[in-house]
mmCIF file of all heavy atoms, coordinates in Angstrom:
data_MODEL
# 
_entry.id   MODEL 
# 
loop_
_atom_site.group_PDB 
_atom_site.id 
_atom_site.type_symbol 
_atom_site.label_atom_id 
_atom_site.label_alt_id 
_atom_site.label_comp_id 
_atom_site.label_asym_id 
_atom_site.label_entity_id 
_atom_site.label_seq_id 
_atom_site.pdbx_PDB_ins_code 
_atom_site.Cartn_x 
_atom_site.Cartn_y 
_atom_site.Cartn_z 
_atom_site.occupancy 
_atom_site.B_iso_or_equiv 
_atom_site.pdbx_formal_charge 
_atom_site.auth_seq_id 
_atom_site.auth_comp_id 
_atom_site.auth_asym_id 
_atom_site.auth_atom_id 
_atom_site.pdbx_PDB_model_num 
ATOM 1   N N   . GLU A 1 1  ? 0.833  -1.193 0.002  1.00 0.00 ? 1  GLU A N   1 
ATOM 2   C CA  . GLU A 1 1  ? -0.002 -0.001 0.001  1.00 0.00 ? 1  GLU A CA  1 
ATOM 3   C C   . GLU A 1 1  ? 0.879  1.254  0.001  1.00 0.00 ? 1  GLU A C   1 
ATOM 4   O O   . GLU A 1 1  ? 2.010  1.250  0.460  1.00 0.00 ? 1  GLU A O   1 
ATOM 5   C CB  . GLU A 1 1  ? -0.903 0.003  1.237  1.00 0.00 ? 1  GLU A CB  1 
ATOM 6   C CG  . GLU A 1 1  ? -1.947 -1.091 1.220  1.00 0.00 ? 1  GLU A CG  1 
ATOM 7   C CD  . GLU A 1 1  ? -2.919 -0.972 2.364  1.00 0.00 ? 1  GLU A CD  1 
ATOM 8   O OE1 . GLU A 1 1  ? -2.681 -0.170 3.281  1.00 0.00 ? 1  GLU A OE1 1 
ATOM 9   O OE2 . GLU A 1 1  ? -3.936 -1.693 2.341  1.00 0.00 ? 1  GLU A OE2 1 
ATOM 10  N N   . ARG A 1 2  ? 0.291  2.321  -0.501 1.00 0.00 ? 2  ARG A N   1 
ATOM 11  C CA  . ARG A 1 2  ? 0.987  3.596  -0.461 1.00 0.00 ? 2  ARG A CA  1 
ATOM 12  C C   . ARG A 1 2  ? 1.151  4.048  0.982  1.00 0.00 ? 2  ARG A C   1 
ATOM 13  O O   . ARG A 1 2  ? 0.237  3.866  1.802  1.00 0.00 ? 2  ARG A O   1 
ATOM 14  C CB  . ARG A 1 2  ? 0.206  4.642  -1.266 1.00 0.00 ? 2  ARG A CB  1 
ATOM 15  C CG  . ARG A 1 2  ? 0.959  5.921  -1.538 1.00 0.00 ? 2  ARG A CG  1 
ATOM 16  C CD  . ARG A 1 2  ? 0.187  6.852  -2.452 1.00 0.00 ? 2  ARG A CD  1 
ATOM 17  N NE  . ARG A 1 2  ? -0.047 6.254  -3.766 1.00 0.00 ? 2  ARG A NE  1 
ATOM 18  C CZ  . ARG A 1 2  ? -0.555 6.923  -4.801 1.00 0.00 ? 2  ARG A CZ  1 
ATOM 19  N NH1 . ARG A 1 2  ? -0.860 8.205  -4.670 1.00 0.00 ? 2  ARG A NH1 1 
ATOM 20  N NH2 . ARG A 1 2  ? -0.760 6.326  -5.947 1.00 0.00 ? 2  ARG A NH2 1 
ATOM 21  N N   . GLU A 1 3  ? 2.299  4.641  1.283  1.00 0.00 ? 3  GLU A N   1 
ATOM 22  C CA  . GLU A 1 3  ? 2.565  5.121  2.644  1.00 0.00 ? 3  GLU A CA  1 
ATOM 23  C C   . GLU A 1 3  ? 3.146  6.524  2.609  1.00 0.00 ? 3  GLU A C   1 
ATOM 24  O O   . GLU A 1 3  ? 3.864  6.888  1.685  1.00 0.00 ? 3  GLU A O   1 
ATOM 25  C CB  . GLU A 1 3  ? 3.536  4.174  3.358  1.00 0.00 ? 3  GLU A CB  1 
ATOM 26  C CG  . GLU A 1 3  ? 4.908  4.077  2.726  1.00 0.00 ? 3  GLU A CG  1 
ATOM 27  C CD  . GLU A 1 3  ? 5.912  3.263  3.524  1.00 0.00 ? 3  GLU A CD  1 
ATOM 28  O OE1 . GLU A 1 3  ? 5.588  2.861  4.663  1.00 0.00 ? 3  GLU A OE1 1 
ATOM 29  O OE2 . GLU A 1 3  ? 7.033  3.050  3.013  1.00 0.00 ? 3  GLU A OE2 1 
ATOM 30  N N   . GLY A 1 4  ? 2.819  7.282  3.630  1.00 0.00 ? 4  GLY A N   1 
ATOM 31  C CA  . GLY A 1 4  ? 3.395  8.611  3.771  1.00 0.00 ? 4  GLY A CA  1 
ATOM 32  C C   . GLY A 1 4  ? 4.728  8.522  4.477  1.00 0.00 ? 4  GLY A C   1 
ATOM 33  O O   . GLY A 1 4  ? 4.841  7.851  5.505  1.00 0.00 ? 4  GLY A O   1 
ATOM 34  N N   . ILE A 1 5  ? 5.747  9.183  3.946  1.00 0.00 ? 5  ILE A N   1 
ATOM 35  C CA  . ILE A 1 5  ? 7.070  9.072  4.535  1.00 0.00 ? 5  ILE A CA  1 
ATOM 36  C C   . ILE A 1 5  ? 7.627  10.388 5.048  1.00 0.00 ? 5  ILE A C   1 
ATOM 37  O O   . ILE A 1 5  ? 8.500  10.392 5.923  1.00 0.00 ? 5  ILE A O   1 
ATOM 38  C CB  . ILE A 1 5  ? 8.065  8.437  3.548  1.00 0.00 ? 5  ILE A CB  1 
ATOM 39  C CG1 . ILE A 1 5  ? 8.195  9.287  2.275  1.00 0.00 ? 5  ILE A CG1 1 
ATOM 40  C CG2 . ILE A 1 5  ? 7.676  7.003  3.240  1.00 0.00 ? 5  ILE A CG2 1 
ATOM 41  C CD1 . ILE A 1 5  ? 9.327  8.840  1.376  1.00 0.00 ? 5  ILE A CD1 1 
ATOM 42  N N   . SER A 1 6  ? 7.161  11.492 4.543  1.00 0.00 ? 6  SER A N   1 
ATOM 43  C CA  . SER A 1 6  ? 7.711  12.775 4.970  1.00 0.00 ? 6  SER A CA  1 
ATOM 44  C C   . SER A 1 6  ? 6.768  13.893 4.566  1.00 0.00 ? 6  SER A C   1 
ATOM 45  O O   . SER A 1 6  ? 5.952  13.723 3.641  1.00 0.00 ? 6  SER A O   1 
ATOM 46  C CB  . SER A 1 6  ? 9.078  13.008 4.330  1.00 0.00 ? 6  SER A CB  1 
ATOM 47  O OG  . SER A 1 6  ? 9.660  14.217 4.790  1.00 0.00 ? 6  SER A OG  1 
ATOM 48  N N   . CYS A 1 7  ? 6.858  14.998 5.264  1.00 0.00 ? 7  CYS A N   1 
ATOM 49  C CA  . CYS A 1 7  ? 6.088  16.167 4.868  1.00 0.00 ? 7  CYS A CA  1 
ATOM 50  C C   . CYS A 1 7  ? 6.712  17.420 5.450  1.00 0.00 ? 7  CYS A C   1 
ATOM 51  O O   . CYS A 1 7  ? 7.536  17.347 6.374  1.00 0.00 ? 7  CYS A O   1 
ATOM 52  C CB  . CYS A 1 7  ? 4.623  16.042 5.281  1.00 0.00 ? 7  CYS A CB  1 
ATOM 53  S SG  . CYS A 1 7  ? 4.314  16.092 7.061  1.00 0.00 ? 7  CYS A SG  1 
ATOM 54  N N   . ILE A 1 8  ? 6.310  18.543 4.885  1.00 0.00 ? 8  ILE A N   1 
ATOM 55  C CA  . ILE A 1 8  ? 6.764  19.836 5.383  1.00 0.00 ? 8  ILE A CA  1 
ATOM 56  C C   . ILE A 1 8  ? 5.560  20.752 5.450  1.00 0.00 ? 8  ILE A C   1 
ATOM 57  O O   . ILE A 1 8  ? 4.778  20.849 4.507  1.00 0.00 ? 8  ILE A O   1 
ATOM 58  C CB  . ILE A 1 8  ? 7.903  20.397 4.500  1.00 0.00 ? 8  ILE A CB  1 
ATOM 59  C CG1 . ILE A 1 8  ? 8.493  21.652 5.124  1.00 0.00 ? 8  ILE A CG1 1 
ATOM 60  C CG2 . ILE A 1 8  ? 7.454  20.639 3.065  1.00 0.00 ? 8  ILE A CG2 1 
ATOM 61  C CD1 . ILE A 1 8  ? 9.865  22.025 4.545  1.00 0.00 ? 8  ILE A CD1 1 
ATOM 62  N N   . SER A 1 9  ? 5.401  21.383 6.583  1.00 0.00 ? 9  SER A N   1 
ATOM 63  C CA  . SER A 1 9  ? 4.229  22.215 6.818  1.00 0.00 ? 9  SER A CA  1 
ATOM 64  C C   . SER A 1 9  ? 4.364  23.564 6.125  1.00 0.00 ? 9  SER A C   1 
ATOM 65  O O   . SER A 1 9  ? 5.441  23.948 5.685  1.00 0.00 ? 9  SER A O   1 
ATOM 66  C CB  . SER A 1 9  ? 4.030  22.417 8.317  1.00 0.00 ? 9  SER A CB  1 
ATOM 67  O OG  . SER A 1 9  ? 3.791  21.190 8.962  1.00 0.00 ? 9  SER A OG  1 
ATOM 68  N N   . SER A 1 10 ? 3.252  24.281 6.045  1.00 0.00 ? 10 SER A N   1 
ATOM 69  C CA  . SER A 1 10 ? 3.261  25.604 5.440  1.00 0.00 ? 10 SER A CA  1 
ATOM 70  C C   . SER A 1 10 ? 4.085  26.568 6.288  1.00 0.00 ? 10 SER A C   1 
ATOM 71  O O   . SER A 1 10 ? 4.392  26.284 7.454  1.00 0.00 ? 10 SER A O   1 
ATOM 72  C CB  . SER A 1 10 ? 1.831  26.126 5.301  1.00 0.00 ? 10 SER A CB  1 
ATOM 73  O OG  . SER A 1 10 ? 1.262  26.316 6.590  1.00 0.00 ? 10 SER A OG  1 
ATOM 74  N N   . ASN A 1 11 ? 4.421  27.691 5.718  1.00 0.00 ? 11 ASN A N   1 
ATOM 75  C CA  . ASN A 1 11 ? 5.245  28.674 6.431  1.00 0.00 ? 11 ASN A CA  1 
ATOM 76  C C   . ASN A 1 11 ? 4.554  29.157 7.692  1.00 0.00 ? 11 ASN A C   1 
ATOM 77  O O   . ASN A 1 11 ? 5.183  29.330 8.738  1.00 0.00 ? 11 ASN A O   1 
ATOM 78  C CB  . ASN A 1 11 ? 5.565  29.854 5.518  1.00 0.00 ? 11 ASN A CB  1 
ATOM 79  C CG  . ASN A 1 11 ? 6.581  29.492 4.466  1.00 0.00 ? 11 ASN A CG  1 
ATOM 80  O OD1 . ASN A 1 11 ? 6.971  28.326 4.333  1.00 0.00 ? 11 ASN A OD1 1 
ATOM 81  N ND2 . ASN A 1 11 ? 6.993  30.478 3.688  1.00 0.00 ? 11 ASN A ND2 1 
ATOM 82  N N   . SER A 1 12 ? 3.235  29.370 7.622  1.00 0.00 ? 12 SER A N   1 
ATOM 83  C CA  . SER A 1 12 ? 2.514  29.865 8.790  1.00 0.00 ? 12 SER A CA  1 
ATOM 84  C C   . SER A 1 12 ? 2.406  28.812 9.874  1.00 0.00 ? 12 SER A C   1 
ATOM 85  O O   . SER A 1 12 ? 2.103  29.131 11.031 1.00 0.00 ? 12 SER A O   1 
ATOM 86  C CB  . SER A 1 12 ? 1.133  30.390 8.398  1.00 0.00 ? 12 SER A CB  1 
ATOM 87  O OG  . SER A 1 12 ? 0.454  29.440 7.650  1.00 0.00 ? 12 SER A OG  1 
ATOM 88  N N   . SER A 1 13 ? 2.627  27.551 9.527  1.00 0.00 ? 13 SER A N   1 
ATOM 89  C CA  . SER A 1 13 ? 2.669  26.470 10.518 1.00 0.00 ? 13 SER A CA  1 
ATOM 90  C C   . SER A 1 13 ? 4.082  26.242 11.018 1.00 0.00 ? 13 SER A C   1 
ATOM 91  O O   . SER A 1 13 ? 4.344  25.288 11.742 1.00 0.00 ? 13 SER A O   1 
ATOM 92  C CB  . SER A 1 13 ? 2.138  25.175 9.916  1.00 0.00 ? 13 SER A CB  1 
ATOM 93  O OG  . SER A 1 13 ? 0.798  25.303 9.517  1.00 0.00 ? 13 SER A OG  1 
ATOM 94  N N   . GLY A 1 14 ? 4.998  27.095 10.591 1.00 0.00 ? 14 GLY A N   1 
ATOM 95  C CA  . GLY A 1 14 ? 6.377  26.985 11.055 1.00 0.00 ? 14 GLY A CA  1 
ATOM 96  C C   . GLY A 1 14 ? 7.272  26.136 10.184 1.00 0.00 ? 14 GLY A C   1 
ATOM 97  O O   . GLY A 1 14 ? 8.446  25.958 10.492 1.00 0.00 ? 14 GLY A O   1 
ATOM 98  N N   . GLY A 1 15 ? 6.726  25.614 9.089  1.00 0.00 ? 15 GLY A N   1 
ATOM 99  C CA  . GLY A 1 15 ? 7.562  24.809 8.222  1.00 0.00 ? 15 GLY A CA  1 
ATOM 100 C C   . GLY A 1 15 ? 8.065  23.532 8.864  1.00 0.00 ? 15 GLY A C   1 
ATOM 101 O O   . GLY A 1 15 ? 9.093  22.982 8.458  1.00 0.00 ? 15 GLY A O   1 
ATOM 102 N N   . ASP A 1 16 ? 7.328  23.039 9.848  1.00 0.00 ? 16 ASP A N   1 
ATOM 103 C CA  . ASP A 1 16 ? 7.764  21.819 10.543 1.00 0.00 ? 16 ASP A CA  1 
ATOM 104 C C   . ASP A 1 16 ? 7.837  20.641 9.583  1.00 0.00 ? 16 ASP A C   1 
ATOM 105 O O   . ASP A 1 16 ? 7.076  20.560 8.618  1.00 0.00 ? 16 ASP A O   1 
ATOM 106 C CB  . ASP A 1 16 ? 6.792  21.479 11.669 1.00 0.00 ? 16 ASP A CB  1 
ATOM 107 C CG  . ASP A 1 16 ? 6.992  22.384 12.881 1.00 0.00 ? 16 ASP A CG  1 
ATOM 108 O OD1 . ASP A 1 16 ? 7.683  23.408 12.743 1.00 0.00 ? 16 ASP A OD1 1 
ATOM 109 O OD2 . ASP A 1 16 ? 6.446  22.063 13.955 1.00 0.00 ? 16 ASP A OD2 1 
ATOM 110 N N   . THR A 1 17 ? 8.725  19.726 9.897  1.00 0.00 ? 17 THR A N   1 
ATOM 111 C CA  . THR A 1 17 ? 8.910  18.543 9.054  1.00 0.00 ? 17 THR A CA  1 
ATOM 112 C C   . THR A 1 17 ? 8.587  17.274 9.829  1.00 0.00 ? 17 THR A C   1 
ATOM 113 O O   . THR A 1 17 ? 8.614  17.237 11.052 1.00 0.00 ? 17 THR A O   1 
ATOM 114 C CB  . THR A 1 17 ? 10.346 18.471 8.513  1.00 0.00 ? 17 THR A CB  1 
ATOM 115 O OG1 . THR A 1 17 ? 11.252 18.442 9.631  1.00 0.00 ? 17 THR A OG1 1 
ATOM 116 C CG2 . THR A 1 17 ? 10.676 19.661 7.634  1.00 0.00 ? 17 THR A CG2 1 
ATOM 117 N N   . TYR A 1 18 ? 8.302  16.255 9.062  1.00 0.00 ? 18 TYR A N   1 
ATOM 118 C CA  . TYR A 1 18 ? 7.995  14.928 9.625  1.00 0.00 ? 18 TYR A CA  1 
ATOM 119 C C   . TYR A 1 18 ? 8.702  13.863 8.784  1.00 0.00 ? 18 TYR A C   1 
ATOM 120 O O   . TYR A 1 18 ? 8.818  14.007 7.556  1.00 0.00 ? 18 TYR A O   1 
ATOM 121 C CB  . TYR A 1 18 ? 6.494  14.672 9.604  1.00 0.00 ? 18 TYR A CB  1 
ATOM 122 C CG  . TYR A 1 18 ? 6.132  13.187 9.646  1.00 0.00 ? 18 TYR A CG  1 
ATOM 123 C CD1 . TYR A 1 18 ? 6.145  12.489 10.853 1.00 0.00 ? 18 TYR A CD1 1 
ATOM 124 C CD2 . TYR A 1 18 ? 5.827  12.508 8.474  1.00 0.00 ? 18 TYR A CD2 1 
ATOM 125 C CE1 . TYR A 1 18 ? 5.841  11.147 10.882 1.00 0.00 ? 18 TYR A CE1 1 
ATOM 126 C CE2 . TYR A 1 18 ? 5.531  11.161 8.503  1.00 0.00 ? 18 TYR A CE2 1 
ATOM 127 C CZ  . TYR A 1 18 ? 5.543  10.483 9.691  1.00 0.00 ? 18 TYR A CZ  1 
ATOM 128 O OH  . TYR A 1 18 ? 5.250  9.137  9.729  1.00 0.00 ? 18 TYR A OH  1 
ATOM 129 N N   . TYR A 1 19 ? 9.200  12.826 9.467  1.00 0.00 ? 19 TYR A N   1 
ATOM 130 C CA  . TYR A 1 19 ? 9.814  11.700 8.788  1.00 0.00 ? 19 TYR A CA  1 
ATOM 131 C C   . TYR A 1 19 ? 9.321  10.398 9.396  1.00 0.00 ? 19 TYR A C   1 
ATOM 132 O O   . TYR A 1 19 ? 9.276  10.252 10.617 1.00 0.00 ? 19 TYR A O   1 
ATOM 133 C CB  . TYR A 1 19 ? 11.344 11.740 8.905  1.00 0.00 ? 19 TYR A CB  1 
ATOM 134 C CG  . TYR A 1 19 ? 11.968 12.969 8.316  1.00 0.00 ? 19 TYR A CG  1 
ATOM 135 C CD1 . TYR A 1 19 ? 12.288 14.057 9.111  1.00 0.00 ? 19 TYR A CD1 1 
ATOM 136 C CD2 . TYR A 1 19 ? 12.255 13.045 6.953  1.00 0.00 ? 19 TYR A CD2 1 
ATOM 137 C CE1 . TYR A 1 19 ? 12.851 15.204 8.569  1.00 0.00 ? 19 TYR A CE1 1 
ATOM 138 C CE2 . TYR A 1 19 ? 12.824 14.176 6.397  1.00 0.00 ? 19 TYR A CE2 1 
ATOM 139 C CZ  . TYR A 1 19 ? 13.116 15.259 7.216  1.00 0.00 ? 19 TYR A CZ  1 
ATOM 140 O OH  . TYR A 1 19 ? 13.680 16.382 6.676  1.00 0.00 ? 19 TYR A OH  1 
ATOM 141 N N   . LYS A 1 20 ? 8.987  9.466  8.547  1.00 0.00 ? 20 LYS A N   1 
ATOM 142 C CA  . LYS A 1 20 ? 8.671  8.113  9.012  1.00 0.00 ? 20 LYS A CA  1 
ATOM 143 C C   . LYS A 1 20 ? 9.934  7.523  9.608  1.00 0.00 ? 20 LYS A C   1 
ATOM 144 O O   . LYS A 1 20 ? 11.055 7.817  9.129  1.00 0.00 ? 20 LYS A O   1 
ATOM 145 C CB  . LYS A 1 20 ? 8.177  7.283  7.828  1.00 0.00 ? 20 LYS A CB  1 
ATOM 146 C CG  . LYS A 1 20 ? 7.659  5.904  8.165  1.00 0.00 ? 20 LYS A CG  1 
ATOM 147 C CD  . LYS A 1 20 ? 7.162  5.220  6.905  1.00 0.00 ? 20 LYS A CD  1 
ATOM 148 C CE  . LYS A 1 20 ? 6.741  3.784  7.194  1.00 0.00 ? 20 LYS A CE  1 
ATOM 149 N NZ  . LYS A 1 20 ? 5.543  3.716  8.041  1.00 0.00 ? 20 LYS A NZ  1 
ATOM 150 N N   . ASP A 1 21 ? 9.801  6.693  10.611 1.00 0.00 ? 21 ASP A N   1 
ATOM 151 C CA  . ASP A 1 21 ? 10.965 6.151  11.304 1.00 0.00 ? 21 ASP A CA  1 
ATOM 152 C C   . ASP A 1 21 ? 11.951 5.473  10.353 1.00 0.00 ? 21 ASP A C   1 
ATOM 153 O O   . ASP A 1 21 ? 13.168 5.574  10.521 1.00 0.00 ? 21 ASP A O   1 
ATOM 154 C CB  . ASP A 1 21 ? 10.537 5.148  12.380 1.00 0.00 ? 21 ASP A CB  1 
ATOM 155 C CG  . ASP A 1 21 ? 9.988  5.834  13.614 1.00 0.00 ? 21 ASP A CG  1 
ATOM 156 O OD1 . ASP A 1 21 ? 10.153 7.078  13.731 1.00 0.00 ? 21 ASP A OD1 1 
ATOM 157 O OD2 . ASP A 1 21 ? 9.402  5.150  14.459 1.00 0.00 ? 21 ASP A OD2 1 
ATOM 158 N N   . SER A 1 22 ? 11.438 4.774  9.365  1.00 0.00 ? 22 SER A N   1 
ATOM 159 C CA  . SER A 1 22 ? 12.314 3.998  8.490  1.00 0.00 ? 22 SER A CA  1 
ATOM 160 C C   . SER A 1 22 ? 13.229 4.851  7.629  1.00 0.00 ? 22 SER A C   1 
ATOM 161 O O   . SER A 1 22 ? 14.199 4.344  7.058  1.00 0.00 ? 22 SER A O   1 
ATOM 162 C CB  . SER A 1 22 ? 11.474 3.080  7.589  1.00 0.00 ? 22 SER A CB  1 
ATOM 163 O OG  . SER A 1 22 ? 10.579 3.842  6.801  1.00 0.00 ? 22 SER A OG  1 
ATOM 164 N N   . ILE A 1 23 ? 12.972 6.133  7.522  1.00 0.00 ? 23 ILE A N   1 
ATOM 165 C CA  . ILE A 1 23 ? 13.814 7.007  6.701  1.00 0.00 ? 23 ILE A CA  1 
ATOM 166 C C   . ILE A 1 23 ? 14.524 8.081  7.520  1.00 0.00 ? 23 ILE A C   1 
ATOM 167 O O   . ILE A 1 23 ? 15.315 8.855  6.963  1.00 0.00 ? 23 ILE A O   1 
ATOM 168 C CB  . ILE A 1 23 ? 13.022 7.674  5.559  1.00 0.00 ? 23 ILE A CB  1 
ATOM 169 C CG1 . ILE A 1 23 ? 12.000 8.681  6.127  1.00 0.00 ? 23 ILE A CG1 1 
ATOM 170 C CG2 . ILE A 1 23 ? 12.365 6.638  4.668  1.00 0.00 ? 23 ILE A CG2 1 
ATOM 171 C CD1 . ILE A 1 23 ? 11.438 9.606  5.078  1.00 0.00 ? 23 ILE A CD1 1 
ATOM 172 N N   . LYS A 1 24 ? 14.245 8.155  8.798  1.00 0.00 ? 24 LYS A N   1 
ATOM 173 C CA  . LYS A 1 24 ? 14.883 9.176  9.639  1.00 0.00 ? 24 LYS A CA  1 
ATOM 174 C C   . LYS A 1 24 ? 16.392 9.038  9.589  1.00 0.00 ? 24 LYS A C   1 
ATOM 175 O O   . LYS A 1 24 ? 16.944 7.946  9.678  1.00 0.00 ? 24 LYS A O   1 
ATOM 176 C CB  . LYS A 1 24 ? 14.404 9.040  11.086 1.00 0.00 ? 24 LYS A CB  1 
ATOM 177 C CG  . LYS A 1 24 ? 13.177 9.826  11.416 1.00 0.00 ? 24 LYS A CG  1 
ATOM 178 C CD  . LYS A 1 24 ? 12.804 9.680  12.876 1.00 0.00 ? 24 LYS A CD  1 
ATOM 179 C CE  . LYS A 1 24 ? 11.454 10.288 13.148 1.00 0.00 ? 24 LYS A CE  1 
ATOM 180 N NZ  . LYS A 1 24 ? 10.998 10.043 14.525 1.00 0.00 ? 24 LYS A NZ  1 
ATOM 181 N N   . GLY A 1 25 ? 17.051 10.179 9.440  1.00 0.00 ? 25 GLY A N   1 
ATOM 182 C CA  . GLY A 1 25 ? 18.499 10.189 9.388  1.00 0.00 ? 25 GLY A CA  1 
ATOM 183 C C   . GLY A 1 25 ? 19.072 9.908  8.019  1.00 0.00 ? 25 GLY A C   1 
ATOM 184 O O   . GLY A 1 25 ? 20.276 10.071 7.790  1.00 0.00 ? 25 GLY A O   1 
ATOM 185 N N   . ARG A 1 26 ? 18.214 9.479  7.075  1.00 0.00 ? 26 ARG A N   1 
ATOM 186 C CA  . ARG A 1 26 ? 18.688 9.196  5.725  1.00 0.00 ? 26 ARG A CA  1 
ATOM 187 C C   . ARG A 1 26 ? 18.071 10.144 4.691  1.00 0.00 ? 26 ARG A C   1 
ATOM 188 O O   . ARG A 1 26 ? 18.725 10.485 3.700  1.00 0.00 ? 26 ARG A O   1 
ATOM 189 C CB  . ARG A 1 26 ? 18.344 7.759  5.331  1.00 0.00 ? 26 ARG A CB  1 
ATOM 190 C CG  . ARG A 1 26 ? 18.957 6.710  6.236  1.00 0.00 ? 26 ARG A CG  1 
ATOM 191 C CD  . ARG A 1 26 ? 18.762 5.299  5.670  1.00 0.00 ? 26 ARG A CD  1 
ATOM 192 N NE  . ARG A 1 26 ? 17.363 4.914  5.584  1.00 0.00 ? 26 ARG A NE  1 
ATOM 193 C CZ  . ARG A 1 26 ? 16.755 4.546  4.452  1.00 0.00 ? 26 ARG A CZ  1 
ATOM 194 N NH1 . ARG A 1 26 ? 17.433 4.516  3.316  1.00 0.00 ? 26 ARG A NH1 1 
ATOM 195 N NH2 . ARG A 1 26 ? 15.470 4.194  4.460  1.00 0.00 ? 26 ARG A NH2 1 
ATOM 196 N N   . PHE A 1 27 ? 16.830 10.553 4.921  1.00 0.00 ? 27 PHE A N   1 
ATOM 197 C CA  . PHE A 1 27 ? 16.128 11.430 3.986  1.00 0.00 ? 27 PHE A CA  1 
ATOM 198 C C   . PHE A 1 27 ? 15.964 12.815 4.614  1.00 0.00 ? 27 PHE A C   1 
ATOM 199 O O   . PHE A 1 27 ? 15.774 12.924 5.826  1.00 0.00 ? 27 PHE A O   1 
ATOM 200 C CB  . PHE A 1 27 ? 14.742 10.886 3.659  1.00 0.00 ? 27 PHE A CB  1 
ATOM 201 C CG  . PHE A 1 27 ? 14.717 9.618  2.836  1.00 0.00 ? 27 PHE A CG  1 
ATOM 202 C CD1 . PHE A 1 27 ? 15.854 8.861  2.620  1.00 0.00 ? 27 PHE A CD1 1 
ATOM 203 C CD2 . PHE A 1 27 ? 13.527 9.187  2.286  1.00 0.00 ? 27 PHE A CD2 1 
ATOM 204 C CE1 . PHE A 1 27 ? 15.821 7.696  1.867  1.00 0.00 ? 27 PHE A CE1 1 
ATOM 205 C CE2 . PHE A 1 27 ? 13.457 8.010  1.532  1.00 0.00 ? 27 PHE A CE2 1 
ATOM 206 C CZ  . PHE A 1 27 ? 14.613 7.276  1.331  1.00 0.00 ? 27 PHE A CZ  1 
ATOM 207 N N   . THR A 1 28 ? 16.001 13.840 3.771  1.00 0.00 ? 28 THR A N   1 
ATOM 208 C CA  . THR A 1 28 ? 15.792 15.207 4.226  1.00 0.00 ? 28 THR A CA  1 
ATOM 209 C C   . THR A 1 28 ? 14.837 15.927 3.274  1.00 0.00 ? 28 THR A C   1 
ATOM 210 O O   . THR A 1 28 ? 15.069 15.954 2.072  1.00 0.00 ? 28 THR A O   1 
ATOM 211 C CB  . THR A 1 28 ? 17.119 15.981 4.282  1.00 0.00 ? 28 THR A CB  1 
ATOM 212 O OG1 . THR A 1 28 ? 18.054 15.281 5.101  1.00 0.00 ? 28 THR A OG1 1 
ATOM 213 C CG2 . THR A 1 28 ? 16.894 17.382 4.855  1.00 0.00 ? 28 THR A CG2 1 
ATOM 214 N N   . ILE A 1 29 ? 13.782 16.481 3.847  1.00 0.00 ? 29 ILE A N   1 
ATOM 215 C CA  . ILE A 1 29 ? 12.833 17.257 3.042  1.00 0.00 ? 29 ILE A CA  1 
ATOM 216 C C   . ILE A 1 29 ? 13.156 18.733 3.195  1.00 0.00 ? 29 ILE A C   1 
ATOM 217 O O   . ILE A 1 29 ? 13.545 19.195 4.266  1.00 0.00 ? 29 ILE A O   1 
ATOM 218 C CB  . ILE A 1 29 ? 11.373 16.949 3.466  1.00 0.00 ? 29 ILE A CB  1 
ATOM 219 C CG1 . ILE A 1 29 ? 10.375 17.548 2.469  1.00 0.00 ? 29 ILE A CG1 1 
ATOM 220 C CG2 . ILE A 1 29 ? 11.095 17.434 4.886  1.00 0.00 ? 29 ILE A CG2 1 
ATOM 221 C CD1 . ILE A 1 29 ? 8.942  17.078 2.704  1.00 0.00 ? 29 ILE A CD1 1 
# 
């Protein structure tokens, strides 16, 4: 199935980022 792995919030949300555990430390958004 399709899975979400990363995202970046809007500027007004602070531009926060998220990473799925399996890619943390290897991928950068």
